[in-house]
Amino acid sequence: MISDASAQRKSKTRRKAAKCDMCRDYPFMGCVYNCPSDAARRVDLTEFFADLAAVG
């Protein structure tokens, strides 16, 4: 049986999913700026697909 204290602890540790707000209040994308391996990038999709179509 779960005690009241245990149930309260579980409800406090529950996490919620968050959507990316594209760092709306910052002049840069935090995830891109702070990525240590330079793997995260923001690209313009129309430019990306135009370049992709030109290649092949």
C-alpha atoms as a PDB file:
ATOM      1  CA  MET A   1       0.000   0.000   0.000  1.00  0.00           C
ATOM      2  CA  ILE A   2       1.279   3.491  -0.859  1.00  0.00           C
ATOM      3  CA  SER A   3       1.429   5.982   1.987  1.00  0.00           C
ATOM      4  CA  ASP A   4       0.260   9.590   1.600  1.00  0.00           C
ATOM      5  CA  ALA A   5       3.850  10.872   1.912  1.00  0.00           C
ATOM      6  CA  SER A   6       5.001   8.536  -0.855  1.00  0.00           C
ATOM      7  CA  ALA A   7       2.157   9.618  -3.138  1.00  0.00           C
ATOM      8  CA  GLN A   8       2.945  13.292  -2.543  1.00  0.00           C
ATOM      9  CA  ARG A   9       6.617  12.724  -3.325  1.00  0.00           C
ATOM     10  CA  LYS A  10       5.729  11.015  -6.606  1.00  0.00           C
ATOM     11  CA  SER A  11       3.403  13.825  -7.648  1.00  0.00           C
ATOM     12  CA  LYS A  12       6.121  16.425  -6.971  1.00  0.00           C
ATOM     13  CA  THR A  13       8.707  14.587  -9.076  1.00  0.00           C
ATOM     14  CA  ARG A  14       6.446  14.210 -12.095  1.00  0.00           C
ATOM     15  CA  ARG A  15       7.962  15.946 -15.093  1.00  0.00           C
ATOM     16  CA  LYS A  16       6.184  17.677 -17.939  1.00  0.00           C
ATOM     17  CA  ALA A  17       7.213  17.795 -21.549  1.00  0.00           C
ATOM     18  CA  ALA A  18       8.112  21.195 -22.925  1.00  0.00           C
ATOM     19  CA  LYS A  19       8.075  22.446 -26.477  1.00  0.00           C
ATOM     20  CA  CYS A  20      10.938  24.428 -27.895  1.00  0.00           C
ATOM     21  CA  ASP A  21      10.070  28.117 -28.086  1.00  0.00           C
ATOM     22  CA  MET A  22      13.041  28.772 -30.379  1.00  0.00           C
ATOM     23  CA  CYS A  23      14.611  30.916 -27.627  1.00  0.00           C
ATOM     24  CA  ARG A  24      12.048  33.597 -28.377  1.00  0.00           C
ATOM     25  CA  ASP A  25      13.482  36.083 -25.862  1.00  0.00           C
ATOM     26  CA  TYR A  26      17.110  35.684 -26.954  1.00  0.00           C
ATOM     27  CA  PRO A  27      18.966  36.949 -30.032  1.00  0.00           C
ATOM     28  CA  PHE A  28      20.322  33.408 -30.633  1.00  0.00           C
ATOM     29  CA  MET A  29      19.223  29.780 -30.475  1.00  0.00           C
ATOM     30  CA  GLY A  30      20.488  28.490 -27.129  1.00  0.00           C
ATOM     31  CA  CYS A  31      20.781  24.852 -28.199  1.00  0.00           C
ATOM     32  CA  VAL A  32      22.701  25.748 -31.359  1.00  0.00           C
ATOM     33  CA  TYR A  33      24.921  28.266 -29.589  1.00  0.00           C
ATOM     34  CA  ASN A  34      25.791  25.893 -26.726  1.00  0.00           C
ATOM     35  CA  CYS A  35      26.193  22.654 -28.697  1.00  0.00           C
ATOM     36  CA  PRO A  36      29.712  21.398 -27.885  1.00  0.00           C
ATOM     37  CA  SER A  37      30.043  19.299 -31.043  1.00  0.00           C
ATOM     38  CA  ASP A  38      28.504  21.851 -33.450  1.00  0.00           C
ATOM     39  CA  ALA A  39      25.939  19.210 -34.443  1.00  0.00           C
ATOM     40  CA  ALA A  40      22.835  21.336 -33.818  1.00  0.00           C
ATOM     41  CA  ARG A  41      22.111  23.816 -36.597  1.00  0.00           C
ATOM     42  CA  ARG A  42      19.207  25.916 -37.813  1.00  0.00           C
ATOM     43  CA  VAL A  43      18.714  25.995 -41.562  1.00  0.00           C
ATOM     44  CA  ASP A  44      16.314  27.687 -43.938  1.00  0.00           C
ATOM     45  CA  LEU A  45      14.380  24.751 -45.402  1.00  0.00           C
ATOM     46  CA  THR A  46      13.675  26.377 -48.764  1.00  0.00           C
ATOM     47  CA  GLU A  47      17.390  27.090 -49.236  1.00  0.00           C
ATOM     48  CA  PHE A  48      18.325  23.602 -48.007  1.00  0.00           C
ATOM     49  CA  PHE A  49      15.994  21.813 -50.428  1.00  0.00           C
ATOM     50  CA  ALA A  50      17.001  24.088 -53.298  1.00  0.00           C
ATOM     51  CA  ASP A  51      20.652  23.179 -52.687  1.00  0.00           C
ATOM     52  CA  LEU A  52      19.717  19.510 -52.392  1.00  0.00           C
ATOM     53  CA  ALA A  53      17.830  19.581 -55.697  1.00  0.00           C
ATOM     54  CA  ALA A  54      20.781  21.255 -57.417  1.00  0.00           C
ATOM     55  CA  VAL A  55      23.130  18.490 -56.277  1.00  0.00           C
ATOM     56  CA  GLY A  56      21.160  15.579 -57.487  1.00  0.00           C
END
